[in-house]
N, C-alpha and C. Protein backbone atom coordinates (compact mmCIF):
# COMPACT_ATOMS: atom_id res chain seq x y z
N UNK A 1 31.07 29.27 18.76
CA UNK A 1 29.96 28.69 18.03
C UNK A 1 28.76 29.61 18.18
N UNK A 2 28.10 29.88 17.05
CA UNK A 2 26.89 30.70 17.12
C UNK A 2 25.71 29.91 16.59
N UNK A 3 24.53 30.43 16.85
CA UNK A 3 23.29 29.79 16.40
C UNK A 3 22.70 30.63 15.28
N UNK A 4 22.41 29.95 14.18
CA UNK A 4 21.81 30.60 13.02
C UNK A 4 20.36 30.12 12.94
N UNK A 5 19.43 31.05 12.87
CA UNK A 5 18.01 30.71 12.79
C UNK A 5 17.51 30.81 11.36
N UNK A 6 16.82 29.76 10.89
CA UNK A 6 16.15 29.86 9.59
C UNK A 6 14.83 30.61 9.80
N UNK A 7 14.30 31.13 8.72
CA UNK A 7 13.02 31.81 8.79
C UNK A 7 11.94 30.85 9.32
N UNK A 8 11.96 29.61 8.81
CA UNK A 8 10.98 28.62 9.25
C UNK A 8 11.05 28.39 10.76
N UNK A 9 12.27 28.26 11.29
CA UNK A 9 12.44 28.03 12.73
C UNK A 9 11.90 29.22 13.54
N UNK A 10 12.14 30.43 13.06
CA UNK A 10 11.62 31.61 13.77
C UNK A 10 10.10 31.63 13.76
N UNK A 11 9.50 31.24 12.66
CA UNK A 11 8.04 31.19 12.58
C UNK A 11 7.48 30.11 13.50
N UNK A 12 8.11 28.96 13.54
CA UNK A 12 7.66 27.89 14.44
C UNK A 12 7.81 28.31 15.90
N UNK A 13 8.88 29.02 16.21
CA UNK A 13 9.08 29.50 17.58
C UNK A 13 7.91 30.39 17.99
N UNK A 14 7.45 31.25 17.10
CA UNK A 14 6.31 32.12 17.42
C UNK A 14 5.10 31.29 17.80
N UNK A 15 4.84 30.21 17.06
CA UNK A 15 3.70 29.34 17.36
C UNK A 15 3.84 28.68 18.72
N UNK A 16 5.03 28.15 19.02
CA UNK A 16 5.23 27.46 20.30
C UNK A 16 5.32 28.44 21.46
N UNK A 17 5.68 29.66 21.19
CA UNK A 17 5.67 30.68 22.24
C UNK A 17 4.22 30.95 22.67
N UNK A 18 3.32 31.02 21.69
CA UNK A 18 1.90 31.22 22.00
C UNK A 18 1.34 30.02 22.75
N UNK A 19 1.66 28.81 22.31
CA UNK A 19 1.09 27.60 22.93
C UNK A 19 1.64 27.31 24.32
N UNK A 20 2.97 27.44 24.50
CA UNK A 20 3.60 27.03 25.76
C UNK A 20 4.44 28.10 26.42
N UNK A 21 4.66 29.22 25.75
CA UNK A 21 5.52 30.24 26.32
C UNK A 21 7.00 29.94 26.14
N UNK A 22 7.33 29.08 25.16
CA UNK A 22 8.72 28.74 24.90
C UNK A 22 9.47 29.98 24.42
N UNK A 23 10.61 30.23 25.03
CA UNK A 23 11.40 31.41 24.71
C UNK A 23 12.58 31.05 23.82
N UNK A 24 13.00 32.02 23.02
CA UNK A 24 14.14 31.82 22.12
C UNK A 24 15.38 31.42 22.90
N UNK A 25 15.56 32.01 24.08
CA UNK A 25 16.73 31.69 24.91
C UNK A 25 16.72 30.22 25.33
N UNK A 26 15.52 29.67 25.61
CA UNK A 26 15.41 28.26 25.99
C UNK A 26 15.83 27.35 24.83
N UNK A 27 15.40 27.72 23.64
CA UNK A 27 15.74 26.92 22.46
C UNK A 27 17.24 26.99 22.21
N UNK A 28 17.80 28.20 22.29
CA UNK A 28 19.24 28.34 22.05
C UNK A 28 20.06 27.60 23.11
N UNK A 29 19.60 27.63 24.35
CA UNK A 29 20.28 26.89 25.40
C UNK A 29 20.23 25.38 25.13
N UNK A 30 19.09 24.91 24.67
CA UNK A 30 18.95 23.50 24.35
C UNK A 30 19.87 23.10 23.20
N UNK A 31 19.97 23.95 22.20
CA UNK A 31 20.84 23.64 21.05
C UNK A 31 22.31 23.62 21.48
N UNK A 32 22.69 24.50 22.38
CA UNK A 32 24.08 24.55 22.84
C UNK A 32 24.39 23.49 23.90
N UNK A 33 23.39 23.14 24.71
CA UNK A 33 23.58 22.19 25.81
C UNK A 33 22.42 21.20 25.86
N UNK A 34 22.28 20.36 24.84
CA UNK A 34 21.13 19.45 24.80
C UNK A 34 21.22 18.35 25.86
N UNK A 35 20.07 17.94 26.35
CA UNK A 35 20.04 16.78 27.24
C UNK A 35 20.41 15.54 26.43
N UNK A 36 20.05 15.57 25.16
CA UNK A 36 20.33 14.43 24.29
C UNK A 36 20.36 14.92 22.84
N UNK A 37 21.21 14.31 22.03
CA UNK A 37 21.21 14.57 20.59
C UNK A 37 20.86 13.26 19.89
N UNK A 38 19.81 13.33 19.07
CA UNK A 38 19.37 12.15 18.32
C UNK A 38 19.72 12.37 16.85
N UNK A 39 20.02 11.30 16.14
CA UNK A 39 20.28 11.45 14.71
C UNK A 39 18.99 11.73 13.96
N UNK A 40 19.07 12.59 12.97
CA UNK A 40 17.94 12.87 12.10
C UNK A 40 18.22 12.30 10.72
N UNK A 41 17.51 12.76 9.74
CA UNK A 41 17.74 12.32 8.37
C UNK A 41 18.94 13.05 7.77
N UNK A 42 19.67 12.34 6.97
CA UNK A 42 20.85 12.86 6.29
C UNK A 42 21.83 13.43 7.31
N UNK A 43 22.20 14.69 7.21
CA UNK A 43 23.18 15.24 8.15
C UNK A 43 22.54 16.12 9.22
N UNK A 44 21.27 15.88 9.50
CA UNK A 44 20.55 16.65 10.51
C UNK A 44 20.68 15.95 11.86
N UNK A 45 20.92 16.74 12.89
CA UNK A 45 20.92 16.26 14.27
C UNK A 45 19.73 16.89 14.98
N UNK A 46 19.26 16.24 16.04
CA UNK A 46 18.10 16.77 16.78
C UNK A 46 18.48 16.92 18.24
N UNK A 47 18.58 18.18 18.68
CA UNK A 47 18.79 18.46 20.10
C UNK A 47 17.44 18.29 20.78
N UNK A 48 17.42 17.60 21.90
CA UNK A 48 16.14 17.42 22.58
C UNK A 48 16.31 17.50 24.09
N UNK A 49 15.24 17.99 24.72
CA UNK A 49 15.23 18.11 26.16
C UNK A 49 13.81 17.99 26.67
N UNK A 50 13.68 17.41 27.86
CA UNK A 50 12.36 17.24 28.47
C UNK A 50 11.96 18.55 29.13
N UNK A 51 10.83 19.08 28.71
CA UNK A 51 10.28 20.30 29.30
C UNK A 51 8.81 20.46 28.96
N UNK A 52 8.13 21.24 29.74
CA UNK A 52 6.70 21.48 29.55
C UNK A 52 5.91 20.17 29.50
N UNK A 53 6.27 19.23 30.36
CA UNK A 53 5.61 17.91 30.43
C UNK A 53 5.65 17.17 29.09
N UNK A 54 6.71 17.38 28.34
CA UNK A 54 6.88 16.71 27.06
C UNK A 54 8.33 16.81 26.62
N UNK A 55 8.53 16.82 25.33
CA UNK A 55 9.87 16.84 24.76
C UNK A 55 9.97 17.95 23.74
N UNK A 56 10.93 18.85 23.94
CA UNK A 56 11.20 19.89 22.95
C UNK A 56 12.29 19.35 22.05
N UNK A 57 12.04 19.36 20.74
CA UNK A 57 13.00 18.83 19.77
C UNK A 57 13.40 19.95 18.81
N UNK A 58 14.70 20.07 18.57
CA UNK A 58 15.22 21.14 17.72
C UNK A 58 16.16 20.53 16.68
N UNK A 59 15.66 20.23 15.49
CA UNK A 59 16.53 19.75 14.42
C UNK A 59 17.47 20.87 13.96
N UNK A 60 18.74 20.51 13.79
CA UNK A 60 19.73 21.50 13.37
C UNK A 60 20.81 20.84 12.52
N UNK A 61 21.53 21.68 11.78
CA UNK A 61 22.68 21.22 11.01
C UNK A 61 23.91 21.94 11.52
N UNK A 62 25.03 21.27 11.48
CA UNK A 62 26.29 21.91 11.82
C UNK A 62 26.83 22.51 10.53
N UNK A 63 27.02 23.83 10.55
CA UNK A 63 27.54 24.56 9.39
C UNK A 63 28.84 25.22 9.84
N UNK A 64 29.95 24.69 9.33
CA UNK A 64 31.27 25.05 9.83
C UNK A 64 31.26 24.75 11.32
N UNK A 65 31.45 25.71 12.19
CA UNK A 65 31.40 25.43 13.63
C UNK A 65 30.12 25.96 14.28
N UNK A 66 29.17 26.36 13.46
CA UNK A 66 27.92 26.94 13.97
C UNK A 66 26.80 25.91 13.88
N UNK A 67 25.69 26.22 14.56
CA UNK A 67 24.52 25.34 14.51
C UNK A 67 23.36 26.11 13.90
N UNK A 68 22.83 25.56 12.81
CA UNK A 68 21.73 26.18 12.08
C UNK A 68 20.43 25.50 12.46
N UNK A 69 19.56 26.23 13.16
CA UNK A 69 18.28 25.70 13.62
C UNK A 69 17.32 25.64 12.44
N UNK A 70 16.82 24.43 12.15
CA UNK A 70 15.94 24.23 11.01
C UNK A 70 14.47 24.41 11.37
N UNK A 71 14.09 23.92 12.54
CA UNK A 71 12.72 24.05 13.03
C UNK A 71 12.73 23.71 14.52
N UNK A 72 11.62 23.90 15.17
CA UNK A 72 11.48 23.44 16.56
C UNK A 72 10.07 22.87 16.71
N UNK A 73 9.94 21.90 17.58
CA UNK A 73 8.61 21.43 17.91
C UNK A 73 8.61 20.72 19.25
N UNK A 74 7.44 20.70 19.85
CA UNK A 74 7.22 20.04 21.13
C UNK A 74 6.33 18.84 20.87
N UNK A 75 6.57 17.76 21.60
CA UNK A 75 5.73 16.57 21.49
C UNK A 75 5.51 15.97 22.87
N UNK A 76 4.38 15.35 23.05
CA UNK A 76 4.10 14.63 24.30
C UNK A 76 4.61 13.19 24.21
N UNK A 77 5.06 12.75 23.04
CA UNK A 77 5.48 11.38 22.81
C UNK A 77 6.96 11.18 23.16
N UNK A 78 7.27 11.37 24.43
CA UNK A 78 8.66 11.25 24.89
C UNK A 78 9.22 9.87 24.57
N UNK A 79 8.45 8.84 24.87
CA UNK A 79 8.94 7.47 24.69
C UNK A 79 9.27 7.15 23.23
N UNK A 80 8.67 7.85 22.30
CA UNK A 80 8.93 7.61 20.88
C UNK A 80 10.31 8.12 20.47
N UNK A 81 10.74 9.24 21.04
CA UNK A 81 11.96 9.89 20.60
C UNK A 81 13.13 9.80 21.57
N UNK A 82 12.84 9.69 22.85
CA UNK A 82 13.90 9.68 23.86
C UNK A 82 14.57 8.32 23.88
N UNK A 83 15.88 8.30 23.77
CA UNK A 83 16.63 7.06 23.78
C UNK A 83 17.34 6.92 25.12
N UNK A 84 16.88 5.97 25.92
CA UNK A 84 17.53 5.71 27.21
C UNK A 84 18.86 5.04 26.96
N UNK A 85 19.87 5.51 27.64
CA UNK A 85 21.19 4.91 27.54
C UNK A 85 21.28 3.77 28.54
N UNK A 86 21.59 2.60 28.05
CA UNK A 86 21.67 1.44 28.92
C UNK A 86 23.06 1.36 29.52
N UNK A 87 23.11 1.17 30.82
CA UNK A 87 24.37 1.03 31.53
C UNK A 87 24.85 -0.41 31.37
N UNK A 88 26.05 -0.58 30.83
CA UNK A 88 26.55 -1.92 30.55
C UNK A 88 27.29 -2.52 31.74
N UNK A 89 27.32 -1.87 32.88
CA UNK A 89 27.98 -2.41 34.09
C UNK A 89 27.06 -3.29 34.87
């Protein structure tokens, strides 16, 4: 599986690199090994992980067996997006 970057995602990465020092390797690691995957609109999935005292979210599409990164963004609103898994035991 490989990661395909859209132009928009690369431009957003530049902005978040300036703001928080987020590295491309961190984003790619999150896409390949997300702490959580949330459903997005239509066939978009959102890889997310807690970092930089907030939540890094990476919307992506599965294209064949690859993951196409659509954009990235960081938010402080963890509780809005993070879905706690309830233990049914």
